[in-house]
Amino acid sequence: MNSQDKSKSEILRQKIYIFIYGTNTPSGKLFDIILLGLIVCSLITIMLETIPEVNMAFHNELLVAEWIFTILFTMEYILRIYCIDKPFKYIFSFYGIIDLLAILPMYLSFFLPGSKVLSNIRTLRLFRLFRVLKLFHFVEESTKLKIALLSSRPKIIVFLYTVIVISFTVGTLMYFIEGPAHGFTNIPKSIYWTIITLTTVGYGDIVPQTGMGQFLASILVIVGYGIIAVPTGIVSLELSKQKHSRYTPKKNTATCPSCQATGHPDNSIFCYKCGSKML
């Protein structure tokens, strides 16, 4: 390839890059809007196929539409890799992995019938809407929530461990109290009932019949109401700490020359303890 051909190839790559990644350009915005429209249409197609009446009447049309969307998304994925300087950075990024998972199910359907339903993972591609509409403040808020969840992780792990212990203990008790005659045929099924009751969902597929079992179930429901609020409180506390730390003045190591007091706020003019002027 001579230098002229290489130059043309590089120019083509740049044009494709601007078209696909250039959210600040008219062509880039148009591409993102069209892409979002195609994603929504593909999701609707997949959902319609799961309706027996619609699938029976329009099976071939829906199948053709799914393959058209898959081919278009495959071309987009290849072009994204082709026009970027660091393709592996995109391939292993969040969007890169989602883009790949969005097209794989249709190809896997040749070997695993029914796997194309997993194409609904394309829903995650709608996160690009934040970038298109420049909703960066929502992204910032999600980052704060992620930090709060990570900070709460030790407390939440302890909480979940406690819930698991309660579920196993009460489930075992219910198995011995109620027994197979009342639907508690084994300990795993009794633990399932305990978790459903503890979370106050209560499907009603298994119901305690004995007085002792009903008493234990009542206690479990009351405990469940208190347990539900715990994770929310833990995360809310961490969010509150973040907000407080954001507006709390940072401390420095400035020392008052008169009384030797330390821990003065930034840009302090006078000592908070003796009132002497800071250096």
C-alpha atoms as a PDB file:
ATOM      1  CA  MET A   1       0.000   0.000   0.000  1.00  0.00           C
ATOM      2  CA  ASN A   2       1.534   3.320  -1.096  1.00  0.00           C
ATOM      3  CA  SER A   3       1.419   6.516   0.951  1.00  0.00           C
ATOM      4  CA  GLN A   4      -1.540   7.893  -1.060  1.00  0.00           C
ATOM      5  CA  ASP A   5      -3.660   4.795  -0.447  1.00  0.00           C
ATOM      6  CA  LYS A   6      -2.637   4.842   3.209  1.00  0.00           C
ATOM      7  CA  SER A   7      -3.655   8.461   3.458  1.00  0.00           C
ATOM      8  CA  LYS A   8      -7.051   7.717   1.918  1.00  0.00           C
ATOM      9  CA  SER A   9      -7.527   4.821   4.337  1.00  0.00           C
ATOM     10  CA  GLU A  10      -6.646   7.040   7.281  1.00  0.00           C
ATOM     11  CA  ILE A  11      -9.034   9.745   6.103  1.00  0.00           C
ATOM     12  CA  LEU A  12     -11.789   7.124   5.778  1.00  0.00           C
ATOM     13  CA  ARG A  13     -11.091   5.871   9.305  1.00  0.00           C
ATOM     14  CA  GLN A  14     -11.279   9.424  10.656  1.00  0.00           C
ATOM     15  CA  LYS A  15     -14.584  10.070   8.888  1.00  0.00           C
ATOM     16  CA  ILE A  16     -16.062   6.848  10.241  1.00  0.00           C
ATOM     17  CA  TYR A  17     -14.762   7.700  13.728  1.00  0.00           C
ATOM     18  CA  ILE A  18     -16.376  11.140  13.630  1.00  0.00           C
ATOM     19  CA  PHE A  19     -19.622   9.630  12.364  1.00  0.00           C
ATOM     20  CA  ILE A  20     -19.770   6.900  15.038  1.00  0.00           C
ATOM     21  CA  TYR A  21     -18.070   8.458  18.062  1.00  0.00           C
ATOM     22  CA  GLY A  22     -18.547  12.163  17.384  1.00  0.00           C
ATOM     23  CA  THR A  23     -21.422  12.986  19.714  1.00  0.00           C
ATOM     24  CA  ASN A  24     -20.717  16.712  19.355  1.00  0.00           C
ATOM     25  CA  THR A  25     -21.026  16.660  15.563  1.00  0.00           C
ATOM     26  CA  PRO A  26     -24.342  16.738  13.638  1.00  0.00           C
ATOM     27  CA  SER A  27     -23.516  13.465  11.870  1.00  0.00           C
ATOM     28  CA  GLY A  28     -22.514  11.818  15.167  1.00  0.00           C
ATOM     29  CA  LYS A  29     -25.739  12.899  16.875  1.00  0.00           C
ATOM     30  CA  LEU A  30     -27.752  11.646  13.890  1.00  0.00           C
ATOM     31  CA  PHE A  31     -25.974   8.285  14.058  1.00  0.00           C
ATOM     32  CA  ASP A  32     -26.683   7.909  17.783  1.00  0.00           C
ATOM     33  CA  ILE A  33     -30.360   8.788  17.338  1.00  0.00           C
ATOM     34  CA  ILE A  34     -30.733   6.302  14.476  1.00  0.00           C
ATOM     35  CA  LEU A  35     -28.894   3.673  16.534  1.00  0.00           C
ATOM     36  CA  LEU A  36     -31.214   4.165  19.503  1.00  0.00           C
ATOM     37  CA  GLY A  37     -34.217   3.886  17.175  1.00  0.00           C
ATOM     38  CA  LEU A  38     -32.894   0.604  15.752  1.00  0.00           C
ATOM     39  CA  ILE A  39     -32.279  -0.758  19.262  1.00  0.00           C
ATOM     40  CA  VAL A  40     -35.845   0.045  20.328  1.00  0.00           C
ATOM     41  CA  CYS A  41     -37.259  -1.512  17.146  1.00  0.00           C
ATOM     42  CA  SER A  42     -35.179  -4.664  17.638  1.00  0.00           C
ATOM     43  CA  LEU A  43     -36.388  -5.003  21.230  1.00  0.00           C
ATOM     44  CA  ILE A  44     -39.998  -4.651  20.100  1.00  0.00           C
ATOM     45  CA  THR A  45     -39.400  -7.337  17.462  1.00  0.00           C
ATOM     46  CA  ILE A  46     -37.988  -9.760  20.027  1.00  0.00           C
ATOM     47  CA  MET A  47     -40.888  -9.136  22.414  1.00  0.00           C
ATOM     48  CA  LEU A  48     -43.497  -9.597  19.667  1.00  0.00           C
ATOM     49  CA  GLU A  49     -41.994 -12.972  18.795  1.00  0.00           C
ATOM     50  CA  THR A  50     -42.755 -14.237  22.299  1.00  0.00           C
ATOM     51  CA  ILE A  51     -46.489 -13.590  21.786  1.00  0.00           C
ATOM     52  CA  PRO A  52     -47.849 -16.880  20.295  1.00  0.00           C
ATOM     53  CA  GLU A  53     -50.597 -15.262  18.193  1.00  0.00           C
ATOM     54  CA  VAL A  54     -48.281 -12.639  16.694  1.00  0.00           C
ATOM     55  CA  ASN A  55     -45.448 -15.118  16.136  1.00  0.00           C
ATOM     56  CA  MET A  56     -47.778 -17.558  14.371  1.00  0.00           C
ATOM     57  CA  ALA A  57     -49.051 -14.867  12.000  1.00  0.00           C
ATOM     58  CA  PHE A  58     -45.770 -13.033  11.322  1.00  0.00           C
ATOM     59  CA  HIS A  59     -43.013 -15.518  12.205  1.00  0.00           C
ATOM     60  CA  ASN A  60     -41.055 -15.168   8.951  1.00  0.00           C
ATOM     61  CA  GLU A  61     -41.303 -11.379   8.934  1.00  0.00           C
ATOM     62  CA  LEU A  62     -40.128 -11.110  12.534  1.00  0.00           C
ATOM     63  CA  LEU A  63     -37.243 -13.505  11.872  1.00  0.00           C
ATOM     64  CA  VAL A  64     -36.108 -11.484   8.853  1.00  0.00           C
ATOM     65  CA  ALA A  65     -36.351  -8.264  10.870  1.00  0.00           C
ATOM     66  CA  GLU A  66     -34.250  -9.778  13.694  1.00  0.00           C
ATOM     67  CA  TRP A  67     -31.537 -10.801  11.241  1.00  0.00           C
ATOM     68  CA  ILE A  68     -31.534  -7.357   9.621  1.00  0.00           C
ATOM     69  CA  PHE A  69     -31.039  -5.716  13.010  1.00  0.00           C
ATOM     70  CA  THR A  70     -28.337  -8.240  13.930  1.00  0.00           C
ATOM     71  CA  ILE A  71     -26.427  -7.668  10.690  1.00  0.00           C
ATOM     72  CA  LEU A  72     -26.639  -3.881  11.118  1.00  0.00           C
ATOM     73  CA  PHE A  73     -25.387  -4.108  14.710  1.00  0.00           C
ATOM     74  CA  THR A  74     -22.614  -6.462  13.596  1.00  0.00           C
ATOM     75  CA  MET A  75     -21.477  -3.977  10.964  1.00  0.00           C
ATOM     76  CA  GLU A  76     -21.570  -1.205  13.565  1.00  0.00           C
ATOM     77  CA  TYR A  77     -19.481  -3.306  15.976  1.00  0.00           C
ATOM     78  CA  ILE A  78     -16.869  -4.028  13.298  1.00  0.00           C
ATOM     79  CA  LEU A  79     -16.711  -0.369  12.260  1.00  0.00           C
ATOM     80  CA  ARG A  80     -16.246   0.719  15.876  1.00  0.00           C
ATOM     81  CA  ILE A  81     -13.233  -1.577  16.126  1.00  0.00           C
ATOM     82  CA  TYR A  82     -11.884  -0.537  12.720  1.00  0.00           C
ATOM     83  CA  CYS A  83     -11.944   3.227  13.208  1.00  0.00           C
ATOM     84  CA  ILE A  84     -10.622   3.490  16.767  1.00  0.00           C
ATOM     85  CA  ASP A  85      -6.898   3.761  17.523  1.00  0.00           C
ATOM     86  CA  LYS A  86      -7.048   1.377  20.505  1.00  0.00           C
ATOM     87  CA  PRO A  87      -9.565  -1.319  19.522  1.00  0.00           C
ATOM     88  CA  PHE A  88      -8.992  -3.463  22.619  1.00  0.00           C
ATOM     89  CA  LYS A  89      -9.922  -0.528  24.820  1.00  0.00           C
ATOM     90  CA  TYR A  90     -13.354  -0.522  23.176  1.00  0.00           C
ATOM     91  CA  ILE A  91     -13.694  -4.322  22.980  1.00  0.00           C
ATOM     92  CA  PHE A  92     -13.191  -4.764  26.744  1.00  0.00           C
ATOM     93  CA  SER A  93     -15.084  -1.642  27.764  1.00  0.00           C
ATOM     94  CA  PHE A  94     -18.625  -1.771  29.195  1.00  0.00           C
ATOM     95  CA  TYR A  95     -20.232  -0.700  25.925  1.00  0.00           C
ATOM     96  CA  GLY A  96     -17.956  -2.966  23.888  1.00  0.00           C
ATOM     97  CA  ILE A  97     -18.942  -6.057  25.862  1.00  0.00           C
ATOM     98  CA  ILE A  98     -22.638  -5.137  25.709  1.00  0.00           C
ATOM     99  CA  ASP A  99     -22.429  -4.521  21.952  1.00  0.00           C
ATOM    100  CA  LEU A 100     -20.882  -7.957  21.450  1.00  0.00           C
ATOM    101  CA  LEU A 101     -23.419  -9.713  23.693  1.00  0.00           C
ATOM    102  CA  ALA A 102     -26.204  -7.981  21.777  1.00  0.00           C
ATOM    103  CA  ILE A 103     -25.287  -9.691  18.495  1.00  0.00           C
ATOM    104  CA  LEU A 104     -24.028 -13.094  19.683  1.00  0.00           C
ATOM    105  CA  PRO A 105     -27.406 -14.725  20.581  1.00  0.00           C
ATOM    106  CA  MET A 106     -28.687 -14.692  17.003  1.00  0.00           C
ATOM    107  CA  TYR A 107     -25.551 -16.449  15.740  1.00  0.00           C
ATOM    108  CA  LEU A 108     -25.645 -18.883  18.658  1.00  0.00           C
ATOM    109  CA  SER A 109     -29.231 -19.782  17.753  1.00  0.00           C
ATOM    110  CA  PHE A 110     -27.807 -22.009  14.993  1.00  0.00           C
ATOM    111  CA  PHE A 111     -26.335 -24.217  17.721  1.00  0.00           C
ATOM    112  CA  LEU A 112     -28.597 -23.439  20.707  1.00  0.00           C
ATOM    113  CA  PRO A 113     -32.242 -23.057  19.608  1.00  0.00           C
ATOM    114  CA  GLY A 114     -34.063 -20.427  21.611  1.00  0.00           C
ATOM    115  CA  SER A 115     -30.927 -18.526  22.595  1.00  0.00           C
ATOM    116  CA  LYS A 116     -31.881 -15.589  20.370  1.00  0.00           C
ATOM    117  CA  VAL A 117     -34.289 -14.458  23.078  1.00  0.00           C
ATOM    118  CA  LEU A 118     -31.153 -13.385  24.962  1.00  0.00           C
ATOM    119  CA  SER A 119     -30.804 -10.656  22.334  1.00  0.00           C
ATOM    120  CA  ASN A 120     -32.984  -8.624  24.669  1.00  0.00           C
ATOM    121  CA  ILE A 121     -29.735  -7.704  26.405  1.00  0.00           C
ATOM    122  CA  ARG A 122     -29.743  -4.954  23.781  1.00  0.00           C
ATOM    123  CA  THR A 123     -31.799  -3.042  26.338  1.00  0.00           C
ATOM    124  CA  LEU A 124     -28.500  -2.176  28.043  1.00  0.00           C
ATOM    125  CA  ARG A 125     -27.400  -0.410  24.875  1.00  0.00           C
ATOM    126  CA  LEU A 126     -30.024   2.235  25.635  1.00  0.00           C
ATOM    127  CA  PHE A 127     -27.593   3.591  28.226  1.00  0.00           C
ATOM    128  CA  ARG A 128     -26.128   5.465  25.264  1.00  0.00           C
ATOM    129  CA  LEU A 129     -29.096   7.803  25.691  1.00  0.00           C
ATOM    130  CA  PHE A 130     -27.203   9.491  28.547  1.00  0.00           C
ATOM    131  CA  ARG A 131     -24.418  10.355  26.140  1.00  0.00           C
ATOM    132  CA  VAL A 132     -26.699  11.465  23.309  1.00  0.00           C
ATOM    133  CA  LEU A 133     -28.800  13.786  25.467  1.00  0.00           C
ATOM    134  CA  LYS A 134     -25.751  14.848  27.513  1.00  0.00           C
ATOM    135  CA  LEU A 135     -27.347  13.796  30.805  1.00  0.00           C
ATOM    136  CA  PHE A 136     -23.959  13.817  32.498  1.00  0.00           C
ATOM    137  CA  HIS A 137     -25.355  15.002  35.839  1.00  0.00           C
ATOM    138  CA  PHE A 138     -27.322  11.742  36.026  1.00  0.00           C
ATOM    139  CA  VAL A 139     -24.094   9.851  35.401  1.00  0.00           C
ATOM    140  CA  GLU A 140     -22.452  11.839  38.205  1.00  0.00           C
ATOM    141  CA  GLU A 141     -25.283  10.907  40.563  1.00  0.00           C
ATOM    142  CA  SER A 142     -24.946   7.246  39.609  1.00  0.00           C
ATOM    143  CA  THR A 143     -21.235   7.481  40.439  1.00  0.00           C
ATOM    144  CA  LYS A 144     -22.092   8.812  43.892  1.00  0.00           C
ATOM    145  CA  LEU A 145     -24.521   5.928  44.395  1.00  0.00           C
ATOM    146  CA  LYS A 146     -21.844   3.432  43.317  1.00  0.00           C
ATOM    147  CA  ILE A 147     -19.369   4.922  45.813  1.00  0.00           C
ATOM    148  CA  ALA A 148     -22.002   4.739  48.557  1.00  0.00           C
ATOM    149  CA  LEU A 149     -22.723   1.088  47.750  1.00  0.00           C
ATOM    150  CA  LEU A 150     -19.040   0.219  47.793  1.00  0.00           C
ATOM    151  CA  SER A 151     -18.566   2.015  51.110  1.00  0.00           C
ATOM    152  CA  SER A 152     -21.574   0.130  52.516  1.00  0.00           C
ATOM    153  CA  ARG A 153     -20.296  -3.249  51.328  1.00  0.00           C
ATOM    154  CA  PRO A 154     -18.904  -4.540  54.675  1.00  0.00           C
ATOM    155  CA  LYS A 155     -22.096  -3.610  56.524  1.00  0.00           C
ATOM    156  CA  ILE A 156     -24.324  -5.075  53.823  1.00  0.00           C
ATOM    157  CA  ILE A 157     -22.300  -8.326  53.811  1.00  0.00           C
ATOM    158  CA  VAL A 158     -22.802  -8.642  57.572  1.00  0.00           C
ATOM    159  CA  PHE A 159     -26.495  -7.896  57.116  1.00  0.00           C
ATOM    160  CA  LEU A 160     -26.904 -10.508  54.361  1.00  0.00           C
ATOM    161  CA  TYR A 161     -25.001 -13.061  56.441  1.00  0.00           C
ATOM    162  CA  THR A 162     -27.427 -12.455  59.315  1.00  0.00           C
ATOM    163  CA  VAL A 163     -30.418 -12.868  56.996  1.00  0.00           C
ATOM    164  CA  ILE A 164     -29.002 -16.144  55.652  1.00  0.00           C
ATOM    165  CA  VAL A 165     -28.476 -17.490  59.175  1.00  0.00           C
ATOM    166  CA  ILE A 166     -32.042 -16.526  60.152  1.00  0.00           C
ATOM    167  CA  SER A 167     -33.419 -18.129  56.973  1.00  0.00           C
ATOM    168  CA  PHE A 168     -31.612 -21.423  57.563  1.00  0.00           C
ATOM    169  CA  THR A 169     -32.517 -21.525  61.267  1.00  0.00           C
ATOM    170  CA  VAL A 170     -36.211 -20.680  60.882  1.00  0.00           C
ATOM    171  CA  GLY A 171     -36.513 -22.861  57.766  1.00  0.00           C
ATOM    172  CA  THR A 172     -35.200 -25.847  59.678  1.00  0.00           C
ATOM    173  CA  LEU A 173     -37.575 -25.152  62.591  1.00  0.00           C
ATOM    174  CA  MET A 174     -40.558 -24.880  60.245  1.00  0.00           C
ATOM    175  CA  TYR A 175     -39.665 -28.202  58.661  1.00  0.00           C
ATOM    176  CA  PHE A 176     -39.804 -29.917  62.043  1.00  0.00           C
ATOM    177  CA  ILE A 177     -42.869 -27.990  63.246  1.00  0.00           C
ATOM    178  CA  GLU A 178     -45.066 -28.307  60.126  1.00  0.00           C
ATOM    179  CA  GLY A 179     -43.599 -31.287  58.295  1.00  0.00           C
ATOM    180  CA  PRO A 180     -44.414 -32.732  54.850  1.00  0.00           C
ATOM    181  CA  ALA A 181     -48.105 -33.012  55.723  1.00  0.00           C
ATOM    182  CA  HIS A 182     -48.490 -29.210  55.515  1.00  0.00           C
ATOM    183  CA  GLY A 183     -46.343 -28.639  52.419  1.00  0.00           C
ATOM    184  CA  PHE A 184     -42.939 -28.302  54.108  1.00  0.00           C
ATOM    185  CA  THR A 185     -41.623 -31.395  52.354  1.00  0.00           C
ATOM    186  CA  ASN A 186     -37.922 -30.658  52.882  1.00  0.00           C
ATOM    187  CA  ILE A 187     -35.596 -28.125  54.492  1.00  0.00           C
ATOM    188  CA  PRO A 188     -34.683 -26.269  51.235  1.00  0.00           C
ATOM    189  CA  LYS A 189     -38.385 -25.705  50.549  1.00  0.00           C
ATOM    190  CA  SER A 190     -38.853 -24.543  54.150  1.00  0.00           C
ATOM    191  CA  ILE A 191     -35.956 -22.105  53.710  1.00  0.00           C
ATOM    192  CA  TYR A 192     -37.627 -20.844  50.516  1.00  0.00           C
ATOM    193  CA  TRP A 193     -40.824 -20.196  52.529  1.00  0.00           C
ATOM    194  CA  THR A 194     -38.772 -18.405  55.200  1.00  0.00           C
ATOM    195  CA  ILE A 195     -37.143 -16.063  52.677  1.00  0.00           C
ATOM    196  CA  ILE A 196     -40.476 -15.293  51.019  1.00  0.00           C
ATOM    197  CA  THR A 197     -42.047 -14.575  54.408  1.00  0.00           C
ATOM    198  CA  LEU A 198     -39.055 -12.607  55.708  1.00  0.00           C
ATOM    199  CA  THR A 199     -39.195 -10.298  52.690  1.00  0.00           C
ATOM    200  CA  THR A 200     -42.960  -9.899  53.248  1.00  0.00           C
ATOM    201  CA  VAL A 201     -43.696 -11.130  49.706  1.00  0.00           C
ATOM    202  CA  GLY A 202     -45.872 -14.042  50.817  1.00  0.00           C
ATOM    203  CA  TYR A 203     -46.864 -15.983  47.685  1.00  0.00           C
ATOM    204  CA  GLY A 204     -49.174 -18.219  49.702  1.00  0.00           C
ATOM    205  CA  ASP A 205     -48.100 -21.430  47.976  1.00  0.00           C
ATOM    206  CA  ILE A 206     -47.033 -22.822  51.367  1.00  0.00           C
ATOM    207  CA  VAL A 207     -48.965 -21.908  54.514  1.00  0.00           C
ATOM    208  CA  PRO A 208     -48.282 -23.039  58.096  1.00  0.00           C
ATOM    209  CA  GLN A 209     -51.224 -24.908  59.634  1.00  0.00           C
ATOM    210  CA  THR A 210     -50.186 -25.498  63.239  1.00  0.00           C
ATOM    211  CA  GLY A 211     -50.441 -22.898  65.977  1.00  0.00           C
ATOM    212  CA  MET A 212     -46.703 -22.927  66.636  1.00  0.00           C
ATOM    213  CA  GLY A 213     -45.959 -22.550  62.931  1.00  0.00           C
ATOM    214  CA  GLN A 214     -48.364 -19.617  62.590  1.00  0.00           C
ATOM    215  CA  PHE A 215     -46.852 -17.946  65.665  1.00  0.00           C
ATOM    216  CA  LEU A 216     -43.338 -18.311  64.223  1.00  0.00           C
ATOM    217  CA  ALA A 217     -44.567 -16.979  60.873  1.00  0.00           C
ATOM    218  CA  SER A 218     -46.052 -13.905  62.592  1.00  0.00           C
ATOM    219  CA  ILE A 219     -42.776 -13.180  64.372  1.00  0.00           C
ATOM    220  CA  LEU A 220     -40.914 -13.625  61.079  1.00  0.00           C
ATOM    221  CA  VAL A 221     -43.140 -11.109  59.275  1.00  0.00           C
ATOM    222  CA  ILE A 222     -42.593  -8.516  62.024  1.00  0.00           C
ATOM    223  CA  VAL A 223     -38.840  -9.088  61.874  1.00  0.00           C
ATOM    224  CA  GLY A 224     -39.041  -8.831  58.075  1.00  0.00           C
ATOM    225  CA  TYR A 225     -40.493  -5.309  58.205  1.00  0.00           C
ATOM    226  CA  GLY A 226     -37.510  -4.183  60.255  1.00  0.00           C
ATOM    227  CA  ILE A 227     -34.997  -6.011  58.088  1.00  0.00           C
ATOM    228  CA  ILE A 228     -36.230  -4.451  54.837  1.00  0.00           C
ATOM    229  CA  ALA A 229     -35.275  -0.971  56.052  1.00  0.00           C
ATOM    230  CA  VAL A 230     -31.705  -1.897  57.039  1.00  0.00           C
ATOM    231  CA  PRO A 231     -29.977  -1.822  53.584  1.00  0.00           C
ATOM    232  CA  THR A 232     -31.761   1.423  52.711  1.00  0.00           C
ATOM    233  CA  GLY A 233     -30.573   3.006  55.948  1.00  0.00           C
ATOM    234  CA  ILE A 234     -26.985   1.851  55.424  1.00  0.00           C
ATOM    235  CA  VAL A 235     -26.773   3.268  51.885  1.00  0.00           C
ATOM    236  CA  SER A 236     -28.592   6.488  52.881  1.00  0.00           C
ATOM    237  CA  LEU A 237     -26.059   7.049  55.666  1.00  0.00           C
ATOM    238  CA  GLU A 238     -23.154   6.708  53.222  1.00  0.00           C
ATOM    239  CA  LEU A 239     -24.828   9.123  50.773  1.00  0.00           C
ATOM    240  CA  SER A 240     -25.334  11.580  53.618  1.00  0.00           C
ATOM    241  CA  LYS A 241     -21.656  11.279  54.565  1.00  0.00           C
ATOM    242  CA  GLN A 242     -20.640  12.067  50.985  1.00  0.00           C
ATOM    243  CA  LYS A 243     -22.856  15.145  50.909  1.00  0.00           C
ATOM    244  CA  HIS A 244     -21.579  16.324  54.294  1.00  0.00           C
ATOM    245  CA  SER A 245     -17.918  15.821  53.385  1.00  0.00           C
ATOM    246  CA  ARG A 246     -18.466  17.809  50.203  1.00  0.00           C
ATOM    247  CA  TYR A 247     -19.439  20.923  52.149  1.00  0.00           C
ATOM    248  CA  THR A 248     -17.225  20.464  55.207  1.00  0.00           C
ATOM    249  CA  PRO A 249     -14.122  22.678  55.068  1.00  0.00           C
ATOM    250  CA  LYS A 250     -10.914  20.720  54.849  1.00  0.00           C
ATOM    251  CA  LYS A 251      -8.498  20.907  57.742  1.00  0.00           C
ATOM    252  CA  ASN A 252      -4.871  21.836  57.346  1.00  0.00           C
ATOM    253  CA  THR A 253      -1.864  21.573  59.616  1.00  0.00           C
ATOM    254  CA  ALA A 254      -1.596  25.309  60.310  1.00  0.00           C
ATOM    255  CA  THR A 255      -0.500  26.025  63.879  1.00  0.00           C
ATOM    256  CA  CYS A 256      -1.286  29.192  65.812  1.00  0.00           C
ATOM    257  CA  PRO A 257       1.981  30.990  66.682  1.00  0.00           C
ATOM    258  CA  SER A 258       0.561  32.136  70.025  1.00  0.00           C
ATOM    259  CA  CYS A 259      -1.289  29.169  71.563  1.00  0.00           C
ATOM    260  CA  GLN A 260      -0.017  26.379  69.269  1.00  0.00           C
ATOM    261  CA  ALA A 261      -3.578  25.276  68.413  1.00  0.00           C
ATOM    262  CA  THR A 262      -3.807  23.162  65.251  1.00  0.00           C
ATOM    263  CA  GLY A 263      -6.543  22.082  62.828  1.00  0.00           C
ATOM    264  CA  HIS A 264      -7.498  25.503  61.486  1.00  0.00           C
ATOM    265  CA  PRO A 265      -9.775  25.659  58.381  1.00  0.00           C
ATOM    266  CA  ASP A 266      -8.182  26.624  55.075  1.00  0.00           C
ATOM    267  CA  ASN A 267      -7.379  30.317  54.608  1.00  0.00           C
ATOM    268  CA  SER A 268      -7.820  31.071  58.332  1.00  0.00           C
ATOM    269  CA  ILE A 269      -6.858  34.646  59.256  1.00  0.00           C
ATOM    270  CA  PHE A 270      -7.313  34.408  63.021  1.00  0.00           C
ATOM    271  CA  CYS A 271      -6.899  31.526  65.483  1.00  0.00           C
ATOM    272  CA  TYR A 272     -10.189  29.941  66.481  1.00  0.00           C
ATOM    273  CA  LYS A 273      -8.907  29.414  70.059  1.00  0.00           C
ATOM    274  CA  CYS A 274      -7.088  32.590  71.109  1.00  0.00           C
ATOM    275  CA  GLY A 275      -7.965  35.007  68.318  1.00  0.00           C
ATOM    276  CA  SER A 276      -4.363  35.768  67.389  1.00  0.00           C
ATOM    277  CA  LYS A 277      -3.581  36.548  63.765  1.00  0.00           C
ATOM    278  CA  MET A 278      -2.284  33.567  61.790  1.00  0.00           C
ATOM    279  CA  LEU A 279       0.963  33.903  59.851  1.00  0.00           C
END
